Amino acid sequence: MSTAFRTLQILVLACLPLYVMAGTPAHSVKFKLFGNKIFFTAYILDSQKIEVLFDPGAYAYLHAGTAQKYHIEYTETGKMASMNGAKETNMFTKFPVLFDGLIDTFETIRSQATAPYLEKRVDMVFGKEWADKYVVYIDYQSSQIHLYETGNFNVPDGFLPIKTVSWHRYPVVRSWFVMENGDSAELRVELNVGSEVGFQLDKFATNEYKMDKIQTDKGFMRVYGSDGKGLEGILTYMPAIQIGQMRQTRVRGGYFKEGYSSGDGEFVHGIVGMEFLKWYELVLDRWSGTVYYRPKAQE
């Protein structure tokens, strides 16, 4: 093989889309970024346009106001967990949603109030249905989410793995927080693509590391759970957070004196959200218990 031909072959391969190198996805769905969050424009009831937030740790639910607006009939009533305990909720079954690149029929969609994001109406939230079934590659270069069958995914060039500690709602990984007094702590955090903040630390970490004494209080921070209700904490900045080789400095977030961790035996200290994760492309592979990442190309 000539040197010129080999050089041409390398150039051609370098120009191929990354998802070809990763295998052939079962589906590729267009998304858009609004603030730090991933949204889809989708359609229900054949032609009604809705705004859908992608949250890989949340099962699908539809804003109660949207259900009322379009006169959607409930099919049954069930219970849904929230930060304030389980509550009754109306549900729809076999509910089709048309995305740009996929028609998906959800087995169950719950109905509840949702909080707006940066004054943007959120009609529907979902993601765990895909994360539990597929390998999910968030491709910012093409503004697509690629969904791979588990046996048809090859890790693209440049991605590094992080093995998860557990994966109940979100992938739980080990992280290192450098605090304002110079101390560092190894904390188990959920990687939450559905959260816009850099981090949230639960009451366990707040109390154990005496955050009130070592972190500068910058005011109040309010975050919203899946039930649309807020939890108030203290706004602060961490000098550095590192997860694997992902590292960001002066990360904005908050610590909380109330708890929001799940009560099913999976202990986490908090979450790391999109103000940290927005700098990285991610692949969520629950089947192998691995999250892959690489720095995102900057404009």
Protein backbone atom coordinates (compact mmCIF):
# COMPACT_ATOMS: atom_id res chain seq x y z
CA MET A 1 0.00 0.00 0.00
CA SER A 2 1.45 3.37 -1.05
CA THR A 3 2.05 6.13 1.50
CA ALA A 4 -0.21 8.48 -0.46
CA PHE A 5 -3.06 5.97 -0.51
CA ARG A 6 -2.64 5.27 3.21
CA THR A 7 -2.72 9.02 3.96
CA LEU A 8 -5.90 9.42 1.89
CA GLN A 9 -7.50 6.46 3.72
CA ILE A 10 -6.74 8.04 7.12
CA LEU A 11 -8.21 11.36 5.99
CA VAL A 12 -11.40 9.69 4.77
CA LEU A 13 -11.82 7.76 8.02
CA ALA A 14 -11.23 10.93 10.03
CA CYS A 15 -14.10 12.62 8.20
CA LEU A 16 -16.65 9.89 8.89
CA PRO A 17 -19.38 10.74 11.43
CA LEU A 18 -18.58 9.50 14.91
CA TYR A 19 -21.73 7.39 15.11
CA VAL A 20 -20.51 5.29 12.16
CA MET A 21 -17.33 4.55 14.09
CA ALA A 22 -19.46 3.65 17.12
CA GLY A 23 -21.58 1.18 15.15
CA THR A 24 -24.99 1.61 13.60
CA PRO A 25 -27.57 3.15 15.94
CA ALA A 26 -31.06 1.75 16.14
CA HIS A 27 -32.34 5.35 16.18
CA SER A 28 -30.92 8.87 16.00
CA VAL A 29 -33.13 11.63 17.38
CA LYS A 30 -32.55 15.37 16.92
CA PHE A 31 -32.39 17.52 20.05
CA LYS A 32 -31.74 21.16 20.89
CA LEU A 33 -29.97 22.80 23.81
CA PHE A 34 -31.82 25.36 25.88
CA GLY A 35 -29.65 26.72 28.64
CA ASN A 36 -27.80 23.67 29.93
CA LYS A 37 -30.58 21.19 29.23
CA ILE A 38 -31.50 18.89 26.36
CA PHE A 39 -34.93 19.37 24.79
CA PHE A 40 -36.87 17.77 21.96
CA THR A 41 -39.68 19.28 19.96
CA ALA A 42 -42.22 16.48 19.68
CA TYR A 43 -45.83 15.91 18.71
CA ILE A 44 -48.71 14.13 20.41
CA LEU A 45 -52.28 13.45 19.28
CA ASP A 46 -51.05 13.53 15.64
CA SER A 47 -50.29 17.26 15.47
CA GLN A 48 -50.03 18.95 18.89
CA LYS A 49 -46.49 20.29 19.42
CA ILE A 50 -44.93 19.89 22.86
CA GLU A 51 -41.57 20.66 24.48
CA VAL A 52 -39.90 17.61 25.99
CA LEU A 53 -37.03 17.62 28.50
CA PHE A 54 -34.59 14.70 28.34
CA ASP A 55 -33.73 13.39 31.80
CA PRO A 56 -32.19 9.88 31.69
CA GLY A 57 -33.08 9.24 35.33
CA ALA A 58 -36.80 10.04 35.10
CA TYR A 59 -39.62 7.87 33.80
CA ALA A 60 -42.00 9.68 31.47
CA TYR A 61 -44.53 12.12 32.84
CA LEU A 62 -46.70 14.72 31.14
CA HIS A 63 -47.41 18.16 32.56
CA ALA A 64 -50.90 18.09 34.08
CA GLY A 65 -51.62 21.41 32.40
CA THR A 66 -50.72 19.96 29.00
CA ALA A 67 -52.99 16.97 29.58
CA GLN A 68 -55.82 19.32 30.50
CA LYS A 69 -55.11 21.63 27.55
CA TYR A 70 -55.43 18.80 25.02
CA HIS A 71 -58.24 16.97 26.86
CA ILE A 72 -56.23 13.76 27.21
CA GLU A 73 -58.24 11.04 28.92
CA TYR A 74 -56.58 9.19 31.80
CA THR A 75 -56.57 5.42 31.63
CA GLU A 76 -55.77 4.62 35.28
CA THR A 77 -54.57 5.98 38.60
CA GLY A 78 -51.41 4.94 40.39
CA LYS A 79 -48.70 6.17 42.74
CA MET A 80 -45.60 8.19 41.97
CA ALA A 81 -42.64 8.80 44.27
CA SER A 82 -41.64 12.39 45.01
CA MET A 83 -39.41 14.24 47.46
CA ASN A 84 -42.41 14.39 49.79
CA GLY A 85 -43.31 10.70 49.54
CA ALA A 86 -45.59 8.72 47.24
CA LYS A 87 -48.71 10.39 45.90
CA GLU A 88 -51.66 9.51 43.72
CA THR A 89 -51.26 10.35 40.05
CA ASN A 90 -53.23 9.90 36.85
CA MET A 91 -51.63 7.85 34.09
CA PHE A 92 -51.90 7.19 30.38
CA THR A 93 -50.93 3.87 28.79
CA LYS A 94 -49.73 3.02 25.27
CA PHE A 95 -49.08 6.72 24.61
CA PRO A 96 -47.35 7.56 21.26
CA VAL A 97 -44.97 10.52 20.92
CA LEU A 98 -43.49 11.61 17.59
CA PHE A 99 -39.88 12.81 17.81
CA ASP A 100 -37.65 14.02 14.98
CA GLY A 101 -36.20 10.62 14.10
CA LEU A 102 -38.45 8.23 16.04
CA ILE A 103 -42.04 7.46 16.96
CA ASP A 104 -41.98 6.00 20.46
CA THR A 105 -44.97 4.52 22.24
CA PHE A 106 -44.59 4.80 26.01
CA GLU A 107 -46.08 1.98 28.04
CA THR A 108 -46.93 4.39 30.86
CA ILE A 109 -46.87 8.16 31.18
CA ARG A 110 -47.78 9.76 34.49
CA SER A 111 -49.40 13.16 34.80
CA GLN A 112 -48.21 15.79 37.26
CA ALA A 113 -47.28 19.46 37.51
CA THR A 114 -43.86 20.38 36.15
CA ALA A 115 -41.76 23.44 36.85
CA PRO A 116 -40.74 25.66 33.92
CA TYR A 117 -37.06 25.93 33.05
CA LEU A 118 -35.75 29.47 32.44
CA GLU A 119 -39.40 30.46 31.88
CA LYS A 120 -39.71 27.78 29.20
CA ARG A 121 -42.75 25.53 29.48
CA VAL A 122 -41.91 21.85 29.98
CA ASP A 123 -44.74 19.70 28.63
CA MET A 124 -43.12 16.32 29.16
CA VAL A 125 -40.09 14.84 30.90
CA PHE A 126 -38.63 11.43 30.12
CA GLY A 127 -35.40 9.52 29.53
CA LYS A 128 -35.14 6.43 31.69
CA GLU A 129 -37.13 4.46 29.11
CA TRP A 130 -34.24 4.94 26.67
CA ALA A 131 -31.40 4.68 29.20
CA ASP A 132 -32.77 1.35 30.50
CA LYS A 133 -33.08 -0.13 27.00
CA TYR A 134 -30.29 1.34 24.87
CA VAL A 135 -26.73 2.56 25.01
CA VAL A 136 -27.30 6.33 24.82
CA TYR A 137 -24.75 8.54 23.05
CA ILE A 138 -25.31 12.30 23.43
CA ASP A 139 -23.67 13.67 20.28
CA TYR A 140 -23.37 17.46 20.54
CA GLN A 141 -21.64 17.79 17.15
CA SER A 142 -24.72 16.60 15.27
CA SER A 143 -27.26 17.60 17.98
CA GLN A 144 -28.54 14.04 18.04
CA ILE A 145 -29.02 11.36 20.62
CA HIS A 146 -27.97 8.02 19.14
CA LEU A 147 -29.62 4.94 20.59
CA TYR A 148 -27.70 1.67 20.19
CA GLU A 149 -28.76 -1.88 20.77
CA THR A 150 -26.48 -3.24 23.45
CA GLY A 151 -24.63 -5.64 21.13
CA ASN A 152 -24.11 -3.07 18.38
CA PHE A 153 -22.06 -0.37 20.06
CA ASN A 154 -18.32 0.24 19.79
CA VAL A 155 -16.74 2.96 21.91
CA PRO A 156 -15.77 5.89 19.63
CA ASP A 157 -12.19 7.16 19.55
CA GLY A 158 -11.19 9.48 22.34
CA PHE A 159 -13.76 8.33 24.91
CA LEU A 160 -12.59 7.21 28.35
CA PRO A 161 -14.57 4.91 30.67
CA ILE A 162 -15.80 5.43 34.21
CA LYS A 163 -17.14 2.34 35.97
CA THR A 164 -20.22 3.07 38.01
CA VAL A 165 -20.65 2.17 41.67
CA SER A 166 -24.37 1.55 41.11
CA TRP A 167 -27.12 2.60 38.73
CA HIS A 168 -30.61 2.83 40.18
CA ARG A 169 -31.90 6.11 38.78
CA TYR A 170 -28.75 7.78 37.50
CA PRO A 171 -25.22 6.40 37.18
CA VAL A 172 -23.46 6.73 40.54
CA VAL A 173 -19.69 7.32 40.36
CA ARG A 174 -16.84 8.27 42.65
CA SER A 175 -15.81 11.91 42.57
CA TRP A 176 -13.33 14.15 44.35
CA PHE A 177 -14.36 17.55 45.69
CA VAL A 178 -11.77 20.15 46.68
CA MET A 179 -13.29 22.51 49.23
CA GLU A 180 -12.47 26.08 50.20
CA ASN A 181 -10.37 25.12 53.22
CA GLY A 182 -8.12 22.99 50.98
CA ASP A 183 -9.51 19.65 52.14
CA SER A 184 -10.68 17.09 49.61
CA ALA A 185 -13.29 14.40 49.91
CA GLU A 186 -14.24 11.35 47.87
CA LEU A 187 -18.00 11.53 47.32
CA ARG A 188 -20.40 9.24 45.51
CA VAL A 189 -22.51 11.32 43.14
CA GLU A 190 -25.17 10.74 40.52
CA LEU A 191 -24.40 12.06 37.03
CA ASN A 192 -27.62 13.89 36.27
CA VAL A 193 -28.03 15.23 32.73
CA GLY A 194 -31.47 16.51 33.75
CA SER A 195 -30.08 18.96 36.35
CA GLU A 196 -28.73 22.37 35.33
CA VAL A 197 -26.53 22.99 38.40
CA GLY A 198 -22.89 22.03 38.81
CA PHE A 199 -23.52 20.01 41.95
CA GLN A 200 -25.94 19.39 44.80
CA LEU A 201 -24.73 17.89 48.06
CA ASP A 202 -27.20 16.11 50.29
CA LYS A 203 -27.55 16.63 54.04
CA PHE A 204 -25.21 13.70 54.73
CA ALA A 205 -22.23 15.40 53.07
CA THR A 206 -23.34 18.80 54.40
CA ASN A 207 -23.22 17.55 57.98
CA GLU A 208 -20.20 15.24 57.70
CA TYR A 209 -17.92 17.85 56.14
CA LYS A 210 -19.39 20.84 58.04
CA MET A 211 -20.13 22.78 54.87
CA ASP A 212 -21.54 25.70 56.86
CA LYS A 213 -18.09 26.33 58.32
CA ILE A 214 -15.79 25.71 55.36
CA GLN A 215 -17.81 26.97 52.37
CA THR A 216 -18.67 30.58 51.59
CA ASP A 217 -22.39 31.24 51.64
CA LYS A 218 -23.34 32.96 48.34
CA GLY A 219 -27.08 33.03 48.97
CA PHE A 220 -29.92 30.59 48.41
CA MET A 221 -30.32 27.96 45.73
CA ARG A 222 -33.63 26.35 44.86
CA VAL A 223 -33.83 23.13 42.86
CA TYR A 224 -36.93 21.35 41.65
CA GLY A 225 -37.72 17.66 41.79
CA SER A 226 -39.83 15.62 39.41
CA ASP A 227 -42.94 16.70 41.32
CA GLY A 228 -42.29 20.36 40.52
CA LYS A 229 -41.67 21.25 44.18
CA GLY A 230 -38.56 23.06 45.27
CA LEU A 231 -35.85 22.25 47.75
CA GLU A 232 -33.87 25.19 49.16
CA GLY A 233 -30.16 25.05 49.86
CA ILE A 234 -27.07 27.25 50.16
CA LEU A 235 -25.44 28.51 46.98
CA THR A 236 -21.65 28.12 46.93
CA TYR A 237 -18.66 27.31 44.70
CA MET A 238 -16.27 24.38 44.87
CA PRO A 239 -12.65 25.19 43.91
CA ALA A 240 -12.49 21.93 41.94
CA ILE A 241 -14.43 18.76 41.18
CA GLN A 242 -12.88 15.74 39.46
CA ILE A 243 -14.51 12.57 38.11
CA GLY A 244 -12.11 10.23 36.35
CA GLN A 245 -10.10 12.66 34.20
CA MET A 246 -12.98 15.12 33.96
CA ARG A 247 -12.04 18.15 36.03
CA GLN A 248 -13.57 21.60 36.35
CA THR A 249 -12.62 24.47 38.65
CA ARG A 250 -14.84 26.93 40.51
CA VAL A 251 -17.97 24.87 40.04
CA ARG A 252 -21.25 26.52 41.02
CA GLY A 253 -23.67 24.47 43.10
CA GLY A 254 -25.22 24.09 46.51
CA TYR A 255 -25.37 22.10 49.70
CA PHE A 256 -28.63 21.15 51.36
CA LYS A 257 -29.69 20.50 54.93
CA GLU A 258 -32.63 18.44 53.75
CA GLY A 259 -32.23 15.04 52.11
CA TYR A 260 -33.40 13.97 48.69
CA SER A 261 -31.47 10.72 48.23
CA SER A 262 -33.43 7.58 47.47
CA GLY A 263 -34.38 5.50 50.48
CA ASP A 264 -33.84 2.11 48.87
CA GLY A 265 -30.37 1.45 50.29
CA GLU A 266 -28.39 3.20 47.54
CA PHE A 267 -26.35 5.82 49.37
CA VAL A 268 -25.23 8.87 47.43
CA HIS A 269 -23.83 12.18 48.64
CA GLY A 270 -25.48 14.23 45.91
CA ILE A 271 -25.41 14.88 42.19
CA VAL A 272 -23.21 16.46 39.56
CA GLY A 273 -25.23 18.22 36.87
CA MET A 274 -24.91 20.03 33.58
CA GLU A 275 -22.84 23.04 34.66
CA PHE A 276 -20.09 20.43 35.04
CA LEU A 277 -21.16 17.85 32.45
CA LYS A 278 -21.83 20.35 29.64
CA TRP A 279 -18.11 20.33 28.82
CA TYR A 280 -18.18 16.63 27.89
CA GLU A 281 -19.79 14.30 25.40
CA LEU A 282 -21.29 11.33 27.23
CA VAL A 283 -22.23 7.76 26.49
CA LEU A 284 -24.53 6.11 29.05
CA ASP A 285 -24.13 2.33 28.99
CA ARG A 286 -26.15 0.92 31.84
CA TRP A 287 -25.75 -2.61 30.55
CA SER A 288 -22.01 -2.61 31.17
CA GLY A 289 -22.24 -0.27 34.17
CA THR A 290 -20.05 2.28 32.39
CA VAL A 291 -20.20 5.96 31.48
CA TYR A 292 -17.87 7.05 28.67
CA TYR A 293 -16.77 10.67 28.23
CA ARG A 294 -14.50 12.93 26.24
CA PRO A 295 -14.08 16.73 26.13
CA LYS A 296 -16.68 18.41 23.94
CA ALA A 297 -15.44 20.41 20.97
CA GLN A 298 -15.73 24.10 21.82
CA GLU A 299 -16.98 26.67 19.32
